[in-house]
Amino acid sequence: MYLTRRNILVFTTASVALPAIGIPRRGDAPALGDALDSTLVYLSPLKEDGTESTCHGEVWFVLHDGSMYVSTRTGAWRAENVRNGNELARLWVGEHGVWTEAGDKFKDSPSFVATAEFETDKAVQAAVLAKFGEKYSSGWGKWGPRFKQGLESGARVLLKYSRVENGHVVPIG
């Protein structure tokens, strides 16, 4: 290809326009759509520089009032990160099994960046637990009492993940 004024103009225009269009990167999706019907979400805290931590894990999740909720042990790294002021995480939604066996397959799923906080409102906790029971009815007989008793005793926490885009919280779903 010869370097002409036209080629320079096309290249310059494309280099400015393409990032503005927002071509999705691997795993990114503007809308999560059907992926939200999945039973698993994969989490990774984000470091201060925006890169992913080496901590990854898959957990059950439910949506409630535009946010995503997960329940975890109080001492789990997910809770410790939030407790230590590291609230940002990347979440991938999809079905790939245990992350250690899935390799990086989960990173091809729709994903988003979110800020996490502890949900301590008892009414919200009750509503979220009811949604867990509906979504995971086959395993809820075993896990429902553990989640509920864990929240009551302090052995478990409920984490609320709110999707962040361009510095603003936007509803999930």
Protein backbone atom coordinates (compact mmCIF):
# COMPACT_ATOMS: atom_id res chain seq x y z
CA MET A 1 0.00 0.00 0.00
CA TYR A 2 1.28 3.42 -0.96
CA LEU A 3 1.31 6.22 1.56
CA THR A 4 -1.07 8.84 0.20
CA ARG A 5 -2.94 11.74 1.74
CA ARG A 6 -6.14 9.70 1.45
CA ASN A 7 -4.60 6.70 3.30
CA ILE A 8 -3.30 9.00 6.03
CA LEU A 9 -6.74 10.59 6.38
CA VAL A 10 -8.49 7.18 6.56
CA PHE A 11 -5.99 5.84 9.11
CA THR A 12 -6.18 8.99 11.26
CA THR A 13 -9.99 8.99 11.19
CA ALA A 14 -10.15 5.28 12.05
CA SER A 15 -7.68 5.60 14.89
CA VAL A 16 -9.82 8.33 16.44
CA ALA A 17 -13.26 6.83 15.70
CA LEU A 18 -12.74 3.16 16.57
CA PRO A 19 -12.00 3.69 20.28
CA ALA A 20 -15.03 5.97 20.51
CA ILE A 21 -17.24 3.25 19.02
CA GLY A 22 -16.12 0.98 21.82
CA ILE A 23 -15.36 -2.27 20.04
CA PRO A 24 -15.77 -4.93 22.74
CA ARG A 25 -12.61 -6.53 24.05
CA ARG A 26 -12.45 -10.20 24.97
CA GLY A 27 -15.14 -10.89 27.54
CA ASP A 28 -16.67 -7.41 27.39
CA ALA A 29 -20.31 -6.97 26.50
CA PRO A 30 -22.45 -3.85 26.53
CA ALA A 31 -25.48 -5.96 27.52
CA LEU A 32 -25.31 -9.14 29.55
CA GLY A 33 -28.60 -10.46 28.16
CA ASP A 34 -29.11 -14.21 28.40
CA ALA A 35 -25.89 -14.67 30.38
CA LEU A 36 -27.77 -13.45 33.46
CA ASP A 37 -29.72 -16.73 33.36
CA SER A 38 -26.46 -18.46 34.28
CA THR A 39 -26.01 -19.98 37.72
CA LEU A 40 -22.44 -18.74 38.18
CA VAL A 41 -20.52 -15.51 38.23
CA TYR A 42 -16.72 -15.42 38.24
CA LEU A 43 -15.09 -12.70 40.31
CA SER A 44 -11.69 -11.08 40.36
CA PRO A 45 -10.79 -8.03 42.43
CA LEU A 46 -9.14 -5.21 40.52
CA LYS A 47 -5.87 -3.75 41.73
CA GLU A 48 -5.33 0.00 42.06
CA ASP A 49 -3.90 0.12 38.52
CA GLY A 50 -7.05 -1.58 37.13
CA THR A 51 -5.47 -4.96 36.46
CA GLU A 52 -7.07 -8.14 37.70
CA SER A 53 -5.88 -9.79 40.87
CA THR A 54 -4.72 -13.40 40.72
CA CYS A 55 -7.67 -14.23 43.01
CA HIS A 56 -10.54 -15.71 41.01
CA GLY A 57 -13.57 -17.64 42.09
CA GLU A 58 -16.99 -18.73 40.95
CA VAL A 59 -20.06 -18.20 43.10
CA TRP A 60 -23.83 -18.25 42.98
CA PHE A 61 -25.49 -14.89 42.39
CA VAL A 62 -28.87 -13.21 42.17
CA LEU A 63 -30.04 -9.88 40.86
CA HIS A 64 -32.04 -7.52 43.04
CA ASP A 65 -32.97 -3.90 42.32
CA GLY A 66 -30.37 -3.55 39.56
CA SER A 67 -27.42 -4.96 41.52
CA MET A 68 -25.82 -8.39 41.77
CA TYR A 69 -25.54 -10.12 45.15
CA VAL A 70 -23.30 -12.93 46.34
CA SER A 71 -23.01 -14.52 49.75
CA THR A 72 -19.60 -15.55 51.02
CA ARG A 73 -17.77 -16.46 54.21
CA THR A 74 -16.78 -13.44 56.29
CA GLY A 75 -13.08 -14.36 56.01
CA ALA A 76 -13.11 -15.12 52.26
CA TRP A 77 -10.87 -12.99 50.04
CA ARG A 78 -13.97 -11.45 48.41
CA ALA A 79 -15.05 -10.01 51.76
CA GLU A 80 -11.50 -9.16 52.88
CA ASN A 81 -10.88 -7.10 49.75
CA VAL A 82 -13.98 -5.01 50.37
CA ARG A 83 -13.15 -4.71 54.07
CA ASN A 84 -9.67 -3.45 53.14
CA GLY A 85 -11.05 -0.75 50.83
CA ASN A 86 -10.56 -2.59 47.53
CA GLU A 87 -14.14 -2.39 46.25
CA LEU A 88 -13.59 -2.75 42.50
CA ALA A 89 -13.96 -6.12 40.79
CA ARG A 90 -14.53 -7.60 37.35
CA LEU A 91 -17.37 -10.10 37.10
CA TRP A 92 -17.91 -12.57 34.26
CA VAL A 93 -21.30 -14.24 33.90
CA GLY A 94 -21.42 -17.74 32.38
CA GLU A 95 -21.26 -21.49 32.88
CA HIS A 96 -17.73 -22.89 32.98
CA GLY A 97 -17.56 -24.90 36.22
CA VAL A 98 -14.88 -24.50 38.86
CA TRP A 99 -12.53 -21.72 37.72
CA THR A 100 -9.40 -23.77 38.43
CA GLU A 101 -10.60 -26.40 35.96
CA ALA A 102 -12.11 -23.93 33.48
CA GLY A 103 -8.80 -22.24 32.78
CA ASP A 104 -9.49 -18.86 31.21
CA LYS A 105 -12.72 -19.96 29.45
CA PHE A 106 -14.76 -17.80 31.80
CA LYS A 107 -12.94 -14.73 30.48
CA ASP A 108 -14.79 -15.16 27.16
CA SER A 109 -18.11 -14.61 28.96
CA PRO A 110 -19.85 -11.25 29.15
CA SER A 111 -18.25 -9.18 31.89
CA PHE A 112 -18.48 -5.88 33.68
CA VAL A 113 -16.66 -3.84 36.30
CA ALA A 114 -18.46 -3.30 39.58
CA THR A 115 -18.02 -1.72 42.94
CA ALA A 116 -18.73 -3.91 45.96
CA GLU A 117 -20.15 -3.12 49.36
CA PHE A 118 -21.49 -5.06 52.31
CA GLU A 119 -25.28 -5.32 52.35
CA THR A 120 -26.39 -5.13 55.98
CA ASP A 121 -30.04 -4.11 55.59
CA LYS A 122 -32.03 -7.06 57.00
CA ALA A 123 -35.01 -6.47 54.68
CA VAL A 124 -32.75 -6.50 51.60
CA GLN A 125 -30.95 -9.59 52.91
CA ALA A 126 -34.29 -11.39 53.33
CA ALA A 127 -35.40 -10.43 49.81
CA VAL A 128 -32.08 -11.53 48.32
CA LEU A 129 -32.13 -14.85 50.21
CA ALA A 130 -35.65 -15.49 48.87
CA LYS A 131 -34.33 -14.94 45.33
CA PHE A 132 -31.42 -17.32 46.00
CA GLY A 133 -34.01 -19.90 47.10
CA GLU A 134 -35.99 -19.49 43.88
CA LYS A 135 -32.96 -19.57 41.59
CA TYR A 136 -31.11 -22.43 43.30
CA SER A 137 -34.11 -24.45 44.51
CA SER A 138 -32.41 -27.84 44.03
CA GLY A 139 -29.56 -26.99 46.41
CA TRP A 140 -31.34 -24.51 48.65
CA GLY A 141 -32.45 -27.12 51.18
CA LYS A 142 -28.78 -27.55 52.09
CA TRP A 143 -27.44 -24.03 51.46
CA GLY A 144 -30.40 -21.87 52.43
CA PRO A 145 -30.09 -22.49 56.18
CA ARG A 146 -26.31 -22.05 55.96
CA PHE A 147 -26.66 -18.70 54.21
CA LYS A 148 -29.38 -17.47 56.60
CA GLN A 149 -27.69 -18.67 59.80
CA GLY A 150 -24.33 -17.45 58.55
CA LEU A 151 -25.69 -13.94 57.95
CA GLU A 152 -27.32 -13.95 61.39
CA SER A 153 -24.19 -15.17 63.20
CA GLY A 154 -21.71 -13.07 61.22
CA ALA A 155 -20.03 -16.13 59.67
CA ARG A 156 -21.22 -15.00 56.22
CA VAL A 157 -21.69 -11.63 54.54
CA LEU A 158 -23.80 -10.49 51.64
CA LEU A 159 -21.89 -8.52 49.01
CA LYS A 160 -23.68 -6.13 46.69
CA TYR A 161 -22.01 -5.52 43.31
CA SER A 162 -23.11 -2.43 41.40
CA ARG A 163 -22.10 -2.17 37.75
CA VAL A 164 -19.92 0.83 36.90
CA GLU A 165 -19.60 2.34 33.43
CA ASN A 166 -17.74 5.57 32.71
CA GLY A 167 -17.62 6.35 36.41
CA HIS A 168 -21.38 5.95 36.92
CA VAL A 169 -23.39 3.16 38.53
CA VAL A 170 -25.79 1.59 36.03
CA PRO A 171 -28.38 -1.15 36.63
CA ILE A 172 -27.49 -4.74 35.84
CA GLY A 173 -29.98 -6.56 33.67
